[in-house]
Amino acid sequence: MEQPALGPRRRHIPARDITALQAFFSIFGNIALVPELGTHYVECVNVVSIKRLQEFWARHPKAKPSLSGWYKIVKAAEWTSPQDIRDQFNSVDFVSDNRVIFDVGGNNYRVVARVSYTYKQVLVKFVGTHKEYDDIDPEKV
């Protein structure tokens, strides 16, 4: 039997595609593929170079709670300007090239990161103790 014409806006979906869609929805639930009017999307920050944090706290285990806490806060942030960072962290310094110096763990550790407000990314450039930070130029790391 021949399929009826479905018109320009409709098309026949093959059985294999229906099975794939059913599998997709069984895994991800009934998610809306088209946003509703007035929907607000939250774009959280992507922290690049978590490996630097992990390598540092492998050498300094006492830093892990402070740095992992910093990571969670930054990952959930919605920064659009330096003022947003200052509102969230009291002790931050700003240098050229959108670099931010974070005092972490009661000023025992420093994180230098480059922030892209447009792309919602934080690139960790340096993680170190306060003493190690004194030996670097935060604008060049």
C-alpha atoms as a PDB file:
ATOM      1  CA  MET A   1       0.000   0.000   0.000  1.00  0.00           C
ATOM      2  CA  GLU A   2       1.281   3.429  -0.922  1.00  0.00           C
ATOM      3  CA  GLN A   3       1.881   6.177   1.660  1.00  0.00           C
ATOM      4  CA  PRO A   4      -0.491   9.160   1.375  1.00  0.00           C
ATOM      5  CA  ALA A   5       1.005  12.530   0.535  1.00  0.00           C
ATOM      6  CA  LEU A   6       1.776  14.286   3.785  1.00  0.00           C
ATOM      7  CA  GLY A   7       2.262  17.819   2.452  1.00  0.00           C
ATOM      8  CA  PRO A   8       5.265  20.133   2.577  1.00  0.00           C
ATOM      9  CA  ARG A   9       5.426  20.409   6.378  1.00  0.00           C
ATOM     10  CA  ARG A  10       5.025  16.735   7.162  1.00  0.00           C
ATOM     11  CA  ARG A  11       7.090  13.792   6.231  1.00  0.00           C
ATOM     12  CA  HIS A  12       7.006  10.107   6.913  1.00  0.00           C
ATOM     13  CA  ILE A  13       9.397   9.047   9.684  1.00  0.00           C
ATOM     14  CA  PRO A  14      10.846   5.574   9.081  1.00  0.00           C
ATOM     15  CA  ALA A  15      10.385   2.981  11.832  1.00  0.00           C
ATOM     16  CA  ARG A  16      14.133   2.857  12.567  1.00  0.00           C
ATOM     17  CA  ASP A  17      14.124   6.620  13.271  1.00  0.00           C
ATOM     18  CA  ILE A  18      11.102   6.273  15.550  1.00  0.00           C
ATOM     19  CA  THR A  19      12.922   3.558  17.478  1.00  0.00           C
ATOM     20  CA  ALA A  20      15.951   5.824  17.821  1.00  0.00           C
ATOM     21  CA  LEU A  21      13.761   8.696  19.058  1.00  0.00           C
ATOM     22  CA  GLN A  22      12.066   6.403  21.574  1.00  0.00           C
ATOM     23  CA  ALA A  23      15.466   5.296  22.856  1.00  0.00           C
ATOM     24  CA  PHE A  24      16.576   8.945  23.098  1.00  0.00           C
ATOM     25  CA  PHE A  25      13.511   9.978  25.097  1.00  0.00           C
ATOM     26  CA  SER A  26      13.743   6.917  27.348  1.00  0.00           C
ATOM     27  CA  ILE A  27      17.251   8.036  28.297  1.00  0.00           C
ATOM     28  CA  PHE A  28      16.785  11.809  28.457  1.00  0.00           C
ATOM     29  CA  GLY A  29      13.079  12.075  29.230  1.00  0.00           C
ATOM     30  CA  ASN A  30      10.639  14.362  27.522  1.00  0.00           C
ATOM     31  CA  ILE A  31      12.833  17.368  26.950  1.00  0.00           C
ATOM     32  CA  ALA A  32      11.614  20.339  24.960  1.00  0.00           C
ATOM     33  CA  LEU A  33      13.564  20.802  21.775  1.00  0.00           C
ATOM     34  CA  VAL A  34      11.960  24.180  21.087  1.00  0.00           C
ATOM     35  CA  PRO A  35      12.180  26.857  23.794  1.00  0.00           C
ATOM     36  CA  GLU A  36       9.063  28.452  25.196  1.00  0.00           C
ATOM     37  CA  LEU A  37       8.673  32.198  24.905  1.00  0.00           C
ATOM     38  CA  GLY A  38      10.441  33.921  27.788  1.00  0.00           C
ATOM     39  CA  THR A  39      12.694  30.961  28.591  1.00  0.00           C
ATOM     40  CA  HIS A  40      15.891  32.059  30.370  1.00  0.00           C
ATOM     41  CA  TYR A  41      18.984  29.985  29.732  1.00  0.00           C
ATOM     42  CA  VAL A  42      21.809  30.021  32.237  1.00  0.00           C
ATOM     43  CA  GLU A  43      25.235  29.863  30.683  1.00  0.00           C
ATOM     44  CA  CYS A  44      27.621  28.698  33.354  1.00  0.00           C
ATOM     45  CA  VAL A  45      31.343  29.177  33.126  1.00  0.00           C
ATOM     46  CA  ASN A  46      33.556  26.510  31.588  1.00  0.00           C
ATOM     47  CA  VAL A  47      36.743  26.147  33.640  1.00  0.00           C
ATOM     48  CA  VAL A  48      39.599  25.111  31.380  1.00  0.00           C
ATOM     49  CA  SER A  49      42.743  23.476  32.805  1.00  0.00           C
ATOM     50  CA  ILE A  50      41.340  21.765  35.858  1.00  0.00           C
ATOM     51  CA  LYS A  51      44.361  19.516  35.423  1.00  0.00           C
ATOM     52  CA  ARG A  52      46.556  22.321  36.782  1.00  0.00           C
ATOM     53  CA  LEU A  53      44.437  22.437  39.912  1.00  0.00           C
ATOM     54  CA  GLN A  54      44.590  18.658  40.312  1.00  0.00           C
ATOM     55  CA  GLU A  55      48.354  18.568  39.821  1.00  0.00           C
ATOM     56  CA  PHE A  56      48.799  21.302  42.409  1.00  0.00           C
ATOM     57  CA  TRP A  57      46.657  19.664  45.068  1.00  0.00           C
ATOM     58  CA  ALA A  58      48.442  16.362  44.416  1.00  0.00           C
ATOM     59  CA  ARG A  59      51.639  18.132  45.544  1.00  0.00           C
ATOM     60  CA  HIS A  60      49.843  20.135  48.272  1.00  0.00           C
ATOM     61  CA  PRO A  61      46.998  17.989  49.680  1.00  0.00           C
ATOM     62  CA  LYS A  62      45.931  20.695  52.150  1.00  0.00           C
ATOM     63  CA  ALA A  63      44.984  22.902  49.176  1.00  0.00           C
ATOM     64  CA  LYS A  64      42.426  20.455  47.763  1.00  0.00           C
ATOM     65  CA  PRO A  65      39.359  21.562  49.801  1.00  0.00           C
ATOM     66  CA  SER A  66      39.972  25.252  49.060  1.00  0.00           C
ATOM     67  CA  LEU A  67      40.745  24.793  45.370  1.00  0.00           C
ATOM     68  CA  SER A  68      37.899  22.352  44.732  1.00  0.00           C
ATOM     69  CA  GLY A  69      35.554  24.799  46.470  1.00  0.00           C
ATOM     70  CA  TRP A  70      36.869  27.610  44.266  1.00  0.00           C
ATOM     71  CA  TYR A  71      36.361  25.413  41.201  1.00  0.00           C
ATOM     72  CA  LYS A  72      32.721  24.657  42.104  1.00  0.00           C
ATOM     73  CA  ILE A  73      31.944  28.336  42.662  1.00  0.00           C
ATOM     74  CA  VAL A  74      33.561  29.384  39.385  1.00  0.00           C
ATOM     75  CA  LYS A  75      31.926  26.552  37.430  1.00  0.00           C
ATOM     76  CA  ALA A  76      28.469  27.706  38.553  1.00  0.00           C
ATOM     77  CA  ALA A  77      29.156  31.410  37.993  1.00  0.00           C
ATOM     78  CA  GLU A  78      27.371  33.604  35.456  1.00  0.00           C
ATOM     79  CA  TRP A  79      29.951  36.351  35.010  1.00  0.00           C
ATOM     80  CA  THR A  80      29.414  39.032  32.410  1.00  0.00           C
ATOM     81  CA  SER A  81      31.869  41.628  33.732  1.00  0.00           C
ATOM     82  CA  PRO A  82      34.708  42.072  36.242  1.00  0.00           C
ATOM     83  CA  GLN A  83      32.195  43.543  38.690  1.00  0.00           C
ATOM     84  CA  ASP A  84      30.389  40.184  38.798  1.00  0.00           C
ATOM     85  CA  ILE A  85      33.636  38.533  39.897  1.00  0.00           C
ATOM     86  CA  ARG A  86      34.289  41.232  42.509  1.00  0.00           C
ATOM     87  CA  ASP A  87      30.745  40.773  43.836  1.00  0.00           C
ATOM     88  CA  GLN A  88      31.367  37.042  44.292  1.00  0.00           C
ATOM     89  CA  PHE A  89      34.964  37.146  45.548  1.00  0.00           C
ATOM     90  CA  ASN A  90      36.071  39.897  47.906  1.00  0.00           C
ATOM     91  CA  SER A  91      39.789  39.472  47.388  1.00  0.00           C
ATOM     92  CA  VAL A  92      40.515  39.508  43.657  1.00  0.00           C
ATOM     93  CA  ASP A  93      42.882  41.603  41.611  1.00  0.00           C
ATOM     94  CA  PHE A  94      42.604  42.371  37.916  1.00  0.00           C
ATOM     95  CA  VAL A  95      45.549  42.715  35.540  1.00  0.00           C
ATOM     96  CA  SER A  96      45.814  43.098  31.783  1.00  0.00           C
ATOM     97  CA  ASP A  97      44.456  40.606  29.240  1.00  0.00           C
ATOM     98  CA  ASN A  98      41.356  39.896  31.378  1.00  0.00           C
ATOM     99  CA  ARG A  99      43.473  38.075  33.927  1.00  0.00           C
ATOM    100  CA  VAL A 100      42.172  37.734  37.436  1.00  0.00           C
ATOM    101  CA  ILE A 101      44.203  36.877  40.519  1.00  0.00           C
ATOM    102  CA  PHE A 102      42.199  34.936  43.098  1.00  0.00           C
ATOM    103  CA  ASP A 103      43.299  34.564  46.720  1.00  0.00           C
ATOM    104  CA  VAL A 104      42.237  31.067  47.748  1.00  0.00           C
ATOM    105  CA  GLY A 105      42.414  29.264  51.081  1.00  0.00           C
ATOM    106  CA  GLY A 106      42.810  32.273  53.335  1.00  0.00           C
ATOM    107  CA  ASN A 107      45.395  33.879  51.039  1.00  0.00           C
ATOM    108  CA  ASN A 108      47.610  30.764  51.229  1.00  0.00           C
ATOM    109  CA  TYR A 109      47.188  29.980  47.522  1.00  0.00           C
ATOM    110  CA  ARG A 110      46.851  32.029  44.376  1.00  0.00           C
ATOM    111  CA  VAL A 111      45.073  31.221  41.131  1.00  0.00           C
ATOM    112  CA  VAL A 112      45.748  33.338  38.065  1.00  0.00           C
ATOM    113  CA  ALA A 113      43.119  32.849  35.394  1.00  0.00           C
ATOM    114  CA  ARG A 114      42.189  34.488  32.107  1.00  0.00           C
ATOM    115  CA  VAL A 115      38.464  35.159  31.902  1.00  0.00           C
ATOM    116  CA  SER A 116      36.517  35.348  28.651  1.00  0.00           C
ATOM    117  CA  TYR A 117      33.180  36.946  29.439  1.00  0.00           C
ATOM    118  CA  THR A 118      31.990  36.492  25.848  1.00  0.00           C
ATOM    119  CA  TYR A 119      32.662  32.738  25.684  1.00  0.00           C
ATOM    120  CA  LYS A 120      32.018  32.062  29.391  1.00  0.00           C
ATOM    121  CA  GLN A 121      35.421  30.460  29.925  1.00  0.00           C
ATOM    122  CA  VAL A 122      38.023  30.641  32.655  1.00  0.00           C
ATOM    123  CA  LEU A 123      41.486  29.458  31.655  1.00  0.00           C
ATOM    124  CA  VAL A 124      43.636  28.645  34.682  1.00  0.00           C
ATOM    125  CA  LYS A 125      47.114  29.983  33.918  1.00  0.00           C
ATOM    126  CA  PHE A 126      48.807  29.503  37.298  1.00  0.00           C
ATOM    127  CA  VAL A 127      48.137  27.791  40.615  1.00  0.00           C
ATOM    128  CA  GLY A 128      50.605  28.161  43.426  1.00  0.00           C
ATOM    129  CA  THR A 129      51.395  29.078  46.980  1.00  0.00           C
ATOM    130  CA  HIS A 130      51.689  32.705  47.954  1.00  0.00           C
ATOM    131  CA  LYS A 131      55.492  32.355  47.890  1.00  0.00           C
ATOM    132  CA  GLU A 132      55.461  30.772  44.387  1.00  0.00           C
ATOM    133  CA  TYR A 133      53.200  33.573  43.182  1.00  0.00           C
ATOM    134  CA  ASP A 134      55.768  36.173  44.280  1.00  0.00           C
ATOM    135  CA  ASP A 135      58.235  34.664  41.767  1.00  0.00           C
ATOM    136  CA  ILE A 136      56.002  35.052  38.680  1.00  0.00           C
ATOM    137  CA  ASP A 137      54.632  37.861  36.549  1.00  0.00           C
ATOM    138  CA  PRO A 138      50.838  37.287  36.437  1.00  0.00           C
ATOM    139  CA  GLU A 139      50.585  39.158  33.137  1.00  0.00           C
ATOM    140  CA  LYS A 140      52.968  36.719  31.425  1.00  0.00           C
ATOM    141  CA  VAL A 141      52.163  33.257  32.806  1.00  0.00           C
END
